[in-house]
Amino acid sequence: MLGIDIGVSAIKLAVMRRQRRGWALQACAVQPLPCSMPGRCGLDSEIVRDALRSSVADLPVRVRDATVAVASADAITRTISLEAGLGDQDLENRMAVEAGQHLPFALSEASMDFCRLPDHGRACRPDQDALLVACRRTEVMRRVALLEQCDLRAVVVDLDALALSRVVGDAGPDTVQVVLDLGACGFRLHAFAQGRLLYSRTHQAGVSSLAGPAALSSQVAEPAPVSGLVQEIRRAIQLFLISTACEQEVIIKLAGGQAVLPGLTDGISTACGRPVSRVQMLPDLTVHARVRQAFWQASVPRLSLACALAMRCR
């Protein structure tokens, strides 16, 4: 499966294959977008289409099935409590009714999906929780159309936050994992606990303006002042803690192209008083010999979403 992460300054690709014991990375690539200003290359632009087509053609393996993501800012997620014991069809009908009450647009304009959430030892509860995810159908169709124009088949259109949960894993019942997906023009904060998405918010603080032009390099970033970005992240963490009344232990993980900025990990840890690390791939992941190890090791945080999307293998 090919995972495609389309950012504002680059397209990231990863090809993953499920093995008997874990996952195998078959190929990966980062294709910078030749835009004069980050964020000006939309999904519908020829620049993005041509860059995606070129980068897929340059992969050392041929693949047609692909997974792409809708940004959390363009979707609505709700945890819905329903009576326990509902069958699949009854659950689907109930979720459609619930969606009509929560969506700010007509149900006929929506693409939605849902899943049962794990109970974690609370099997005797008289109710069950299900996660509802919905967005405007146009957001899905734009991504499907882009892939079709590049001779790819969109097998899954995922949500970026839920995809990232597959690579960060579960830290235990008393720990909340905060994942900061740091892009060129802002960052997304996602919080997970026991396999559930607790919180997701997009912050528009521009990494490019706060960390300097070096942050947009397709290579490992040169030293740049990150104090402004650290303060934006500290405020975002505080907003999450206050709005959710979180009392559990919190650990912070950095993903995205700007996670490698020098001094950023230590700066966030000092400002927030929490342990901070970069996202690492699952321990059972094997990397094919054709993948350059130096490039892979330097690009793990940047490729984390693309890898997570590629893990939607059927």
C-alpha atoms as a PDB file:
ATOM      1  CA  MET A   1       0.000   0.000   0.000  1.00  0.00           C
ATOM      2  CA  LEU A   2       1.175   3.507  -0.830  1.00  0.00           C
ATOM      3  CA  GLY A   3       0.643   6.146   1.848  1.00  0.00           C
ATOM      4  CA  ILE A   4       0.517   9.729   0.555  1.00  0.00           C
ATOM      5  CA  ASP A   5       0.901  12.731   2.845  1.00  0.00           C
ATOM      6  CA  ILE A   6       0.326  15.965   0.918  1.00  0.00           C
ATOM      7  CA  GLY A   7       1.713  18.884   2.900  1.00  0.00           C
ATOM      8  CA  VAL A   8       1.961  22.568   2.103  1.00  0.00           C
ATOM      9  CA  SER A   9       5.649  22.378   1.176  1.00  0.00           C
ATOM     10  CA  ALA A  10       6.231  18.728   0.209  1.00  0.00           C
ATOM     11  CA  ILE A  11       4.610  15.426  -0.684  1.00  0.00           C
ATOM     12  CA  LYS A  12       5.712  12.471   1.417  1.00  0.00           C
ATOM     13  CA  LEU A  13       5.349   8.883   0.181  1.00  0.00           C
ATOM     14  CA  ALA A  14       5.791   5.517   1.883  1.00  0.00           C
ATOM     15  CA  VAL A  15       5.141   1.992   0.600  1.00  0.00           C
ATOM     16  CA  MET A  16       4.454  -0.549   3.342  1.00  0.00           C
ATOM     17  CA  ARG A  17       3.754  -4.276   3.245  1.00  0.00           C
ATOM     18  CA  ARG A  18       2.306  -6.371   6.035  1.00  0.00           C
ATOM     19  CA  GLN A  19       4.453  -9.339   6.957  1.00  0.00           C
ATOM     20  CA  ARG A  20       3.842 -12.316   9.188  1.00  0.00           C
ATOM     21  CA  ARG A  21       5.767 -10.533  11.942  1.00  0.00           C
ATOM     22  CA  GLY A  22       5.110  -6.840  11.643  1.00  0.00           C
ATOM     23  CA  TRP A  23       5.585  -4.404   8.791  1.00  0.00           C
ATOM     24  CA  ALA A  24       8.108  -3.839   6.014  1.00  0.00           C
ATOM     25  CA  LEU A  25       8.977  -0.460   4.500  1.00  0.00           C
ATOM     26  CA  GLN A  26       9.446  -1.075   0.775  1.00  0.00           C
ATOM     27  CA  ALA A  27      10.171   2.478  -0.377  1.00  0.00           C
ATOM     28  CA  CYS A  28       9.813   6.107   0.690  1.00  0.00           C
ATOM     29  CA  ALA A  29      10.343   9.563  -0.781  1.00  0.00           C
ATOM     30  CA  VAL A  30       9.966  13.269  -0.048  1.00  0.00           C
ATOM     31  CA  GLN A  31       9.079  15.496  -3.011  1.00  0.00           C
ATOM     32  CA  PRO A  32       9.333  19.250  -2.303  1.00  0.00           C
ATOM     33  CA  LEU A  33       6.639  21.377  -3.896  1.00  0.00           C
ATOM     34  CA  PRO A  34       8.098  24.171  -6.063  1.00  0.00           C
ATOM     35  CA  CYS A  35       5.801  26.880  -4.713  1.00  0.00           C
ATOM     36  CA  SER A  36       6.946  30.446  -4.247  1.00  0.00           C
ATOM     37  CA  MET A  37       5.081  30.535  -0.922  1.00  0.00           C
ATOM     38  CA  PRO A  38       4.209  27.561   1.309  1.00  0.00           C
ATOM     39  CA  GLY A  39       0.524  26.774   1.348  1.00  0.00           C
ATOM     40  CA  ARG A  40      -0.202  28.151  -2.137  1.00  0.00           C
ATOM     41  CA  CYS A  41      -0.122  24.696  -3.758  1.00  0.00           C
ATOM     42  CA  GLY A  42      -3.667  23.397  -3.351  1.00  0.00           C
ATOM     43  CA  LEU A  43      -4.861  19.857  -3.994  1.00  0.00           C
ATOM     44  CA  ASP A  44      -6.403  20.984  -7.266  1.00  0.00           C
ATOM     45  CA  SER A  45      -3.272  22.651  -8.642  1.00  0.00           C
ATOM     46  CA  GLU A  46      -1.242  21.282 -11.524  1.00  0.00           C
ATOM     47  CA  ILE A  47       1.886  21.711  -9.392  1.00  0.00           C
ATOM     48  CA  VAL A  48       0.673  19.158  -6.843  1.00  0.00           C
ATOM     49  CA  ARG A  49      -0.619  16.783  -9.505  1.00  0.00           C
ATOM     50  CA  ASP A  50       2.629  16.863 -11.493  1.00  0.00           C
ATOM     51  CA  ALA A  51       4.778  16.533  -8.377  1.00  0.00           C
ATOM     52  CA  LEU A  52       2.772  13.531  -7.147  1.00  0.00           C
ATOM     53  CA  ARG A  53       2.850  11.834 -10.545  1.00  0.00           C
ATOM     54  CA  SER A  54       6.613  12.375 -10.832  1.00  0.00           C
ATOM     55  CA  SER A  55       7.414  11.173  -7.318  1.00  0.00           C
ATOM     56  CA  VAL A  56       5.295   8.020  -7.707  1.00  0.00           C
ATOM     57  CA  ALA A  57       6.992   7.252 -11.028  1.00  0.00           C
ATOM     58  CA  ASP A  58      10.408   7.570  -9.373  1.00  0.00           C
ATOM     59  CA  LEU A  59       9.623   5.004  -6.668  1.00  0.00           C
ATOM     60  CA  PRO A  60      11.628   1.780  -7.066  1.00  0.00           C
ATOM     61  CA  VAL A  61       8.442  -0.303  -6.703  1.00  0.00           C
ATOM     62  CA  ARG A  62       5.240  -0.207  -8.712  1.00  0.00           C
ATOM     63  CA  VAL A  63       2.082   0.293  -6.692  1.00  0.00           C
ATOM     64  CA  ARG A  64      -1.419   1.487  -7.584  1.00  0.00           C
ATOM     65  CA  ASP A  65      -3.455   1.204  -4.380  1.00  0.00           C
ATOM     66  CA  ALA A  66      -3.034   4.278  -2.190  1.00  0.00           C
ATOM     67  CA  THR A  67      -4.267   5.861   1.019  1.00  0.00           C
ATOM     68  CA  VAL A  68      -4.522   9.598   1.604  1.00  0.00           C
ATOM     69  CA  ALA A  69      -5.774  11.664   4.530  1.00  0.00           C
ATOM     70  CA  VAL A  70      -8.241  14.444   5.237  1.00  0.00           C
ATOM     71  CA  ALA A  71      -6.933  16.989   7.731  1.00  0.00           C
ATOM     72  CA  SER A  72      -8.617  16.949  11.126  1.00  0.00           C
ATOM     73  CA  ALA A  73      -9.449  20.629  10.681  1.00  0.00           C
ATOM     74  CA  ASP A  74     -11.709  19.668   7.765  1.00  0.00           C
ATOM     75  CA  ALA A  75     -13.528  16.902   9.651  1.00  0.00           C
ATOM     76  CA  ILE A  76     -15.785  16.462  12.650  1.00  0.00           C
ATOM     77  CA  THR A  77     -15.208  13.741  15.229  1.00  0.00           C
ATOM     78  CA  ARG A  78     -17.658  12.838  17.979  1.00  0.00           C
ATOM     79  CA  THR A  79     -17.733  10.049  20.548  1.00  0.00           C
ATOM     80  CA  ILE A  80     -21.316   8.789  20.723  1.00  0.00           C
ATOM     81  CA  SER A  81     -22.625   6.678  23.624  1.00  0.00           C
ATOM     82  CA  LEU A  82     -25.236   4.113  22.595  1.00  0.00           C
ATOM     83  CA  GLU A  83     -26.855   1.154  24.289  1.00  0.00           C
ATOM     84  CA  ALA A  84     -24.725  -1.981  24.287  1.00  0.00           C
ATOM     85  CA  GLY A  85     -25.496  -4.968  22.104  1.00  0.00           C
ATOM     86  CA  LEU A  86     -26.410  -3.154  18.890  1.00  0.00           C
ATOM     87  CA  GLY A  87     -25.777  -5.152  15.741  1.00  0.00           C
ATOM     88  CA  ASP A  88     -23.806  -3.700  12.845  1.00  0.00           C
ATOM     89  CA  GLN A  89     -26.881  -2.574  10.884  1.00  0.00           C
ATOM     90  CA  ASP A  90     -28.576  -1.078  13.943  1.00  0.00           C
ATOM     91  CA  LEU A  91     -25.351   0.724  14.842  1.00  0.00           C
ATOM     92  CA  GLU A  92     -25.064   2.129  11.321  1.00  0.00           C
ATOM     93  CA  ASN A  93     -28.652   3.409  11.436  1.00  0.00           C
ATOM     94  CA  ARG A  94     -28.146   5.022  14.834  1.00  0.00           C
ATOM     95  CA  MET A  95     -24.911   6.701  13.767  1.00  0.00           C
ATOM     96  CA  ALA A  96     -26.641   8.179  10.726  1.00  0.00           C
ATOM     97  CA  VAL A  97     -29.263   9.705  13.031  1.00  0.00           C
ATOM     98  CA  GLU A  98     -26.575  11.024  15.381  1.00  0.00           C
ATOM     99  CA  ALA A  99     -24.612  12.472  12.463  1.00  0.00           C
ATOM    100  CA  GLY A 100     -27.616  14.496  11.384  1.00  0.00           C
ATOM    101  CA  GLN A 101     -27.661  16.147  14.818  1.00  0.00           C
ATOM    102  CA  HIS A 102     -23.957  17.010  14.929  1.00  0.00           C
ATOM    103  CA  LEU A 103     -23.076  18.057  11.384  1.00  0.00           C
ATOM    104  CA  PRO A 104     -23.172  21.758  10.430  1.00  0.00           C
ATOM    105  CA  PHE A 105     -24.097  20.748   6.873  1.00  0.00           C
ATOM    106  CA  ALA A 106     -26.648  18.441   5.278  1.00  0.00           C
ATOM    107  CA  LEU A 107     -26.157  14.705   5.713  1.00  0.00           C
ATOM    108  CA  SER A 108     -26.495  14.335   1.942  1.00  0.00           C
ATOM    109  CA  GLU A 109     -23.320  16.428   1.572  1.00  0.00           C
ATOM    110  CA  ALA A 110     -21.302  14.343   4.022  1.00  0.00           C
ATOM    111  CA  SER A 111     -18.892  11.455   3.833  1.00  0.00           C
ATOM    112  CA  MET A 112     -18.860   9.666   7.158  1.00  0.00           C
ATOM    113  CA  ASP A 113     -17.550   6.579   8.868  1.00  0.00           C
ATOM    114  CA  PHE A 114     -17.659   5.162  12.368  1.00  0.00           C
ATOM    115  CA  CYS A 115     -16.161   2.445  14.525  1.00  0.00           C
ATOM    116  CA  ARG A 116     -16.763   0.881  17.903  1.00  0.00           C
ATOM    117  CA  LEU A 117     -14.328   2.089  20.553  1.00  0.00           C
ATOM    118  CA  PRO A 118     -12.512  -0.340  22.879  1.00  0.00           C
ATOM    119  CA  ASP A 119     -14.035  -0.783  26.337  1.00  0.00           C
ATOM    120  CA  HIS A 120     -10.755  -1.644  28.097  1.00  0.00           C
ATOM    121  CA  GLY A 121     -12.194  -3.996  30.695  1.00  0.00           C
ATOM    122  CA  ARG A 122     -15.553  -2.254  31.049  1.00  0.00           C
ATOM    123  CA  ALA A 123     -17.514  -4.993  29.320  1.00  0.00           C
ATOM    124  CA  CYS A 124     -20.321  -4.873  31.899  1.00  0.00           C
ATOM    125  CA  ARG A 125     -21.303  -1.323  30.998  1.00  0.00           C
ATOM    126  CA  PRO A 126     -24.922  -0.935  29.803  1.00  0.00           C
ATOM    127  CA  ASP A 127     -23.720   1.282  26.946  1.00  0.00           C
ATOM    128  CA  GLN A 128     -21.004   1.338  24.322  1.00  0.00           C
ATOM    129  CA  ASP A 129     -19.034   4.145  22.698  1.00  0.00           C
ATOM    130  CA  ALA A 130     -18.582   4.633  18.983  1.00  0.00           C
ATOM    131  CA  LEU A 131     -16.465   7.193  17.142  1.00  0.00           C
ATOM    132  CA  LEU A 132     -18.158   9.173  14.393  1.00  0.00           C
ATOM    133  CA  VAL A 133     -15.981  10.863  11.749  1.00  0.00           C
ATOM    134  CA  ALA A 134     -17.508  13.023   9.037  1.00  0.00           C
ATOM    135  CA  CYS A 135     -16.479  15.683   6.546  1.00  0.00           C
ATOM    136  CA  ARG A 136     -17.894  17.295   3.448  1.00  0.00           C
ATOM    137  CA  ARG A 137     -17.964  14.835   0.568  1.00  0.00           C
ATOM    138  CA  THR A 138     -16.130  17.350  -1.610  1.00  0.00           C
ATOM    139  CA  GLU A 139     -13.038  16.995   0.618  1.00  0.00           C
ATOM    140  CA  VAL A 140     -12.945  13.263  -0.077  1.00  0.00           C
ATOM    141  CA  MET A 141     -13.702  13.598  -3.784  1.00  0.00           C
ATOM    142  CA  ARG A 142     -10.913  16.158  -4.310  1.00  0.00           C
ATOM    143  CA  ARG A 143      -8.392  13.644  -3.001  1.00  0.00           C
ATOM    144  CA  VAL A 144      -9.868  10.747  -4.951  1.00  0.00           C
ATOM    145  CA  ALA A 145      -9.787  12.833  -8.147  1.00  0.00           C
ATOM    146  CA  LEU A 146      -6.160  13.814  -7.590  1.00  0.00           C
ATOM    147  CA  LEU A 147      -5.090  10.197  -7.185  1.00  0.00           C
ATOM    148  CA  GLU A 148      -7.069   9.118 -10.243  1.00  0.00           C
ATOM    149  CA  GLN A 149      -5.308  11.776 -12.317  1.00  0.00           C
ATOM    150  CA  CYS A 150      -2.021  10.155 -11.255  1.00  0.00           C
ATOM    151  CA  ASP A 151      -3.206   6.638 -12.202  1.00  0.00           C
ATOM    152  CA  LEU A 152      -3.652   5.672  -8.559  1.00  0.00           C
ATOM    153  CA  ARG A 153      -6.640   4.120  -6.831  1.00  0.00           C
ATOM    154  CA  ALA A 154      -7.778   5.658  -3.559  1.00  0.00           C
ATOM    155  CA  VAL A 155      -8.489   2.575  -1.451  1.00  0.00           C
ATOM    156  CA  VAL A 156      -8.919   4.541   1.791  1.00  0.00           C
ATOM    157  CA  VAL A 157      -9.381   8.218   2.622  1.00  0.00           C
ATOM    158  CA  ASP A 158      -8.350   8.360   6.269  1.00  0.00           C
ATOM    159  CA  LEU A 159      -8.249  11.049   8.962  1.00  0.00           C
ATOM    160  CA  ASP A 160      -4.729  12.261   9.731  1.00  0.00           C
ATOM    161  CA  ALA A 161      -5.133  12.069  13.521  1.00  0.00           C
ATOM    162  CA  LEU A 162      -6.467   8.497  13.489  1.00  0.00           C
ATOM    163  CA  ALA A 163      -3.741   7.439  11.091  1.00  0.00           C
ATOM    164  CA  LEU A 164      -0.995   8.781  13.370  1.00  0.00           C
ATOM    165  CA  SER A 165      -2.392   6.775  16.282  1.00  0.00           C
ATOM    166  CA  ARG A 166      -1.239   3.632  14.468  1.00  0.00           C
ATOM    167  CA  VAL A 167       2.441   4.592  14.685  1.00  0.00           C
ATOM    168  CA  VAL A 168       2.514   6.064  18.199  1.00  0.00           C
ATOM    169  CA  GLY A 169       0.871   3.002  19.765  1.00  0.00           C
ATOM    170  CA  ASP A 170      -0.633   2.909  23.262  1.00  0.00           C
ATOM    171  CA  ALA A 171       1.315   4.236  26.250  1.00  0.00           C
ATOM    172  CA  GLY A 172      -0.841   2.562  28.910  1.00  0.00           C
ATOM    173  CA  PRO A 173      -4.071   3.246  30.831  1.00  0.00           C
ATOM    174  CA  ASP A 174      -2.784   6.194  32.874  1.00  0.00           C
ATOM    175  CA  THR A 175      -0.928   8.088  30.146  1.00  0.00           C
ATOM    176  CA  VAL A 176      -2.058  10.538  27.487  1.00  0.00           C
ATOM    177  CA  GLN A 177       0.071  10.862  24.364  1.00  0.00           C
ATOM    178  CA  VAL A 178       0.122  14.283  22.727  1.00  0.00           C
ATOM    179  CA  VAL A 179       1.322  14.166  19.123  1.00  0.00           C
ATOM    180  CA  LEU A 180       2.429  17.436  17.554  1.00  0.00           C
ATOM    181  CA  ASP A 181       2.378  17.220  13.757  1.00  0.00           C
ATOM    182  CA  LEU A 182       4.633  20.151  12.856  1.00  0.00           C
ATOM    183  CA  GLY A 183       4.237  21.537   9.344  1.00  0.00           C
ATOM    184  CA  ALA A 184       5.646  24.492   7.469  1.00  0.00           C
ATOM    185  CA  CYS A 185       2.663  26.779   8.093  1.00  0.00           C
ATOM    186  CA  GLY A 186       1.300  25.522  11.388  1.00  0.00           C
ATOM    187  CA  PHE A 187       0.929  22.461  13.565  1.00  0.00           C
ATOM    188  CA  ARG A 188      -1.773  20.051  14.679  1.00  0.00           C
ATOM    189  CA  LEU A 189      -2.098  18.801  18.232  1.00  0.00           C
ATOM    190  CA  HIS A 190      -3.667  15.356  18.660  1.00  0.00           C
ATOM    191  CA  ALA A 191      -4.140  13.653  22.029  1.00  0.00           C
ATOM    192  CA  PHE A 192      -4.666   9.899  22.435  1.00  0.00           C
ATOM    193  CA  ALA A 193      -5.374   7.626  25.388  1.00  0.00           C
ATOM    194  CA  GLN A 194      -6.144   3.897  25.353  1.00  0.00           C
ATOM    195  CA  GLY A 195      -6.682   3.828  21.629  1.00  0.00           C
ATOM    196  CA  ARG A 196      -9.076   6.806  21.621  1.00  0.00           C
ATOM    197  CA  LEU A 197      -8.711  10.227  20.068  1.00  0.00           C
ATOM    198  CA  LEU A 198      -9.362  12.646  22.935  1.00  0.00           C
ATOM    199  CA  TYR A 199      -8.612  15.971  21.317  1.00  0.00           C
ATOM    200  CA  SER A 200      -7.501  17.446  17.992  1.00  0.00           C
ATOM    201  CA  ARG A 201      -6.862  21.054  17.122  1.00  0.00           C
ATOM    202  CA  THR A 202      -5.054  22.917  14.349  1.00  0.00           C
ATOM    203  CA  HIS A 203      -2.865  25.884  15.245  1.00  0.00           C
ATOM    204  CA  GLN A 204      -1.957  28.270  12.462  1.00  0.00           C
ATOM    205  CA  ALA A 205       1.277  29.573  13.967  1.00  0.00           C
ATOM    206  CA  GLY A 206       3.573  29.509  10.958  1.00  0.00           C
ATOM    207  CA  VAL A 207       6.630  27.381  11.544  1.00  0.00           C
ATOM    208  CA  SER A 208       8.213  29.091   8.543  1.00  0.00           C
ATOM    209  CA  SER A 209       7.859  32.530  10.113  1.00  0.00           C
ATOM    210  CA  LEU A 210       8.704  31.437  13.663  1.00  0.00           C
ATOM    211  CA  ALA A 211      11.657  29.188  12.880  1.00  0.00           C
ATOM    212  CA  GLY A 212      13.062  30.913   9.812  1.00  0.00           C
ATOM    213  CA  PRO A 213      13.540  29.890   6.158  1.00  0.00           C
ATOM    214  CA  ALA A 214      15.746  26.932   7.132  1.00  0.00           C
ATOM    215  CA  ALA A 215      12.652  25.168   8.438  1.00  0.00           C
ATOM    216  CA  LEU A 216      11.358  24.741   4.892  1.00  0.00           C
ATOM    217  CA  SER A 217      14.426  22.886   3.638  1.00  0.00           C
ATOM    218  CA  SER A 218      13.834  19.385   2.321  1.00  0.00           C
ATOM    219  CA  GLN A 219      17.003  18.344   4.135  1.00  0.00           C
ATOM    220  CA  VAL A 220      17.671  18.289   7.879  1.00  0.00           C
ATOM    221  CA  ALA A 221      17.095  21.826   9.059  1.00  0.00           C
ATOM    222  CA  GLU A 222      19.991  24.136   9.852  1.00  0.00           C
ATOM    223  CA  PRO A 223      20.106  25.753  13.305  1.00  0.00           C
ATOM    224  CA  ALA A 224      17.355  28.332  13.608  1.00  0.00           C
ATOM    225  CA  PRO A 225      15.725  30.168  16.496  1.00  0.00           C
ATOM    226  CA  VAL A 226      12.813  28.087  17.753  1.00  0.00           C
ATOM    227  CA  SER A 227      11.847  30.002  20.881  1.00  0.00           C
ATOM    228  CA  GLY A 228       8.761  31.494  19.222  1.00  0.00           C
ATOM    229  CA  LEU A 229       7.559  28.076  18.095  1.00  0.00           C
ATOM    230  CA  VAL A 230       8.217  26.608  21.549  1.00  0.00           C
ATOM    231  CA  GLN A 231       6.025  29.276  23.144  1.00  0.00           C
ATOM    232  CA  GLU A 232       3.218  28.637  20.646  1.00  0.00           C
ATOM    233  CA  ILE A 233       3.390  24.931  21.442  1.00  0.00           C
ATOM    234  CA  ARG A 234       3.417  25.616  25.198  1.00  0.00           C
ATOM    235  CA  ARG A 235       0.208  27.658  24.846  1.00  0.00           C
ATOM    236  CA  ALA A 236      -1.368  24.913  22.742  1.00  0.00           C
ATOM    237  CA  ILE A 237      -0.524  22.293  25.381  1.00  0.00           C
ATOM    238  CA  GLN A 238      -1.990  24.492  28.109  1.00  0.00           C
ATOM    239  CA  LEU A 239      -5.185  24.945  26.093  1.00  0.00           C
ATOM    240  CA  PHE A 240      -5.503  21.172  25.721  1.00  0.00           C
ATOM    241  CA  LEU A 241      -4.935  20.540  29.438  1.00  0.00           C
ATOM    242  CA  ILE A 242      -7.455  23.185  30.506  1.00  0.00           C
ATOM    243  CA  SER A 243     -10.175  22.334  27.991  1.00  0.00           C
ATOM    244  CA  THR A 244     -10.057  18.589  28.734  1.00  0.00           C
ATOM    245  CA  ALA A 245      -9.297  18.821  32.487  1.00  0.00           C
ATOM    246  CA  CYS A 246      -6.579  16.241  31.847  1.00  0.00           C
ATOM    247  CA  GLU A 247      -5.064  14.854  35.044  1.00  0.00           C
ATOM    248  CA  GLN A 248      -3.158  11.867  33.640  1.00  0.00           C
ATOM    249  CA  GLU A 249       0.530  11.775  32.873  1.00  0.00           C
ATOM    250  CA  VAL A 250       1.222  13.457  29.528  1.00  0.00           C
ATOM    251  CA  ILE A 251       4.038  12.603  27.144  1.00  0.00           C
ATOM    252  CA  ILE A 252       4.687  14.571  23.981  1.00  0.00           C
ATOM    253  CA  LYS A 253       5.818  13.193  20.622  1.00  0.00           C
ATOM    254  CA  LEU A 254       6.909  15.235  17.619  1.00  0.00           C
ATOM    255  CA  ALA A 255       6.031  14.344  14.032  1.00  0.00           C
ATOM    256  CA  GLY A 256       6.139  16.228  10.757  1.00  0.00           C
ATOM    257  CA  GLY A 257       8.849  17.950   8.758  1.00  0.00           C
ATOM    258  CA  GLN A 258       9.822  20.435  11.448  1.00  0.00           C
ATOM    259  CA  ALA A 259      10.255  17.902  14.263  1.00  0.00           C
ATOM    260  CA  VAL A 260      13.972  17.775  13.505  1.00  0.00           C
ATOM    261  CA  LEU A 261      14.619  21.467  14.196  1.00  0.00           C
ATOM    262  CA  PRO A 262      17.699  21.681  16.453  1.00  0.00           C
ATOM    263  CA  GLY A 263      16.823  22.438  20.034  1.00  0.00           C
ATOM    264  CA  LEU A 264      13.093  21.991  19.568  1.00  0.00           C
ATOM    265  CA  THR A 265      12.714  18.773  21.589  1.00  0.00           C
ATOM    266  CA  ASP A 266      14.626  20.118  24.591  1.00  0.00           C
ATOM    267  CA  GLY A 267      12.948  23.517  24.325  1.00  0.00           C
ATOM    268  CA  ILE A 268       9.428  22.043  24.449  1.00  0.00           C
ATOM    269  CA  SER A 269      10.371  19.732  27.332  1.00  0.00           C
ATOM    270  CA  THR A 270      11.732  22.634  29.351  1.00  0.00           C
ATOM    271  CA  ALA A 271       8.795  24.941  28.595  1.00  0.00           C
ATOM    272  CA  CYS A 272       6.098  22.324  29.276  1.00  0.00           C
ATOM    273  CA  GLY A 273       7.775  20.259  31.982  1.00  0.00           C
ATOM    274  CA  ARG A 274       6.891  17.051  30.122  1.00  0.00           C
ATOM    275  CA  PRO A 275       8.931  14.314  28.438  1.00  0.00           C
ATOM    276  CA  VAL A 276       9.309  15.000  24.717  1.00  0.00           C
ATOM    277  CA  SER A 277      10.633  12.769  21.941  1.00  0.00           C
ATOM    278  CA  ARG A 278      10.367  12.399  18.189  1.00  0.00           C
ATOM    279  CA  VAL A 279       7.999   9.815  16.757  1.00  0.00           C
ATOM    280  CA  GLN A 280       9.725   6.504  16.078  1.00  0.00           C
ATOM    281  CA  MET A 281       8.444   3.709  13.900  1.00  0.00           C
ATOM    282  CA  LEU A 282       7.126   0.501  15.422  1.00  0.00           C
ATOM    283  CA  PRO A 283       9.867  -1.811  16.763  1.00  0.00           C
ATOM    284  CA  ASP A 284       8.809  -4.672  14.482  1.00  0.00           C
ATOM    285  CA  LEU A 285       9.287  -2.570  11.320  1.00  0.00           C
ATOM    286  CA  THR A 286      11.876  -3.843   8.868  1.00  0.00           C
ATOM    287  CA  VAL A 287      13.376  -1.573   6.221  1.00  0.00           C
ATOM    288  CA  HIS A 288      14.166  -2.873   2.726  1.00  0.00           C
ATOM    289  CA  ALA A 289      17.802  -2.722   1.661  1.00  0.00           C
ATOM    290  CA  ARG A 290      16.917  -0.404  -1.240  1.00  0.00           C
ATOM    291  CA  VAL A 291      15.919   2.354   1.211  1.00  0.00           C
ATOM    292  CA  ARG A 292      18.884   4.574   2.079  1.00  0.00           C
ATOM    293  CA  GLN A 293      19.344   4.241   5.824  1.00  0.00           C
ATOM    294  CA  ALA A 294      20.723   7.746   6.330  1.00  0.00           C
ATOM    295  CA  PHE A 295      17.747   9.293   4.559  1.00  0.00           C
ATOM    296  CA  TRP A 296      15.271   7.088   6.426  1.00  0.00           C
ATOM    297  CA  GLN A 297      16.707   7.786   9.869  1.00  0.00           C
ATOM    298  CA  ALA A 298      16.706  11.541   9.229  1.00  0.00           C
ATOM    299  CA  SER A 299      13.174  11.487   7.802  1.00  0.00           C
ATOM    300  CA  VAL A 300      11.260   9.249  10.239  1.00  0.00           C
ATOM    301  CA  PRO A 301       9.254  12.095  11.865  1.00  0.00           C
ATOM    302  CA  ARG A 302       8.531  13.662   8.494  1.00  0.00           C
ATOM    303  CA  LEU A 303       7.375  10.355   6.989  1.00  0.00           C
ATOM    304  CA  SER A 304       5.364   9.226  10.016  1.00  0.00           C
ATOM    305  CA  LEU A 305       1.967  10.133   8.555  1.00  0.00           C
ATOM    306  CA  ALA A 306       2.760   8.618   5.144  1.00  0.00           C
ATOM    307  CA  CYS A 307       3.849   5.379   6.868  1.00  0.00           C
ATOM    308  CA  ALA A 308       0.751   5.371   9.053  1.00  0.00           C
ATOM    309  CA  LEU A 309      -1.473   5.761   5.979  1.00  0.00           C
ATOM    310  CA  ALA A 310       0.353   2.934   4.200  1.00  0.00           C
ATOM    311  CA  MET A 311      -0.450   0.701   7.177  1.00  0.00           C
ATOM    312  CA  ARG A 312      -4.096   0.672   6.114  1.00  0.00           C
ATOM    313  CA  CYS A 313      -3.316  -2.465   4.098  1.00  0.00           C
ATOM    314  CA  ARG A 314      -6.324  -4.714   3.727  1.00  0.00           C
END
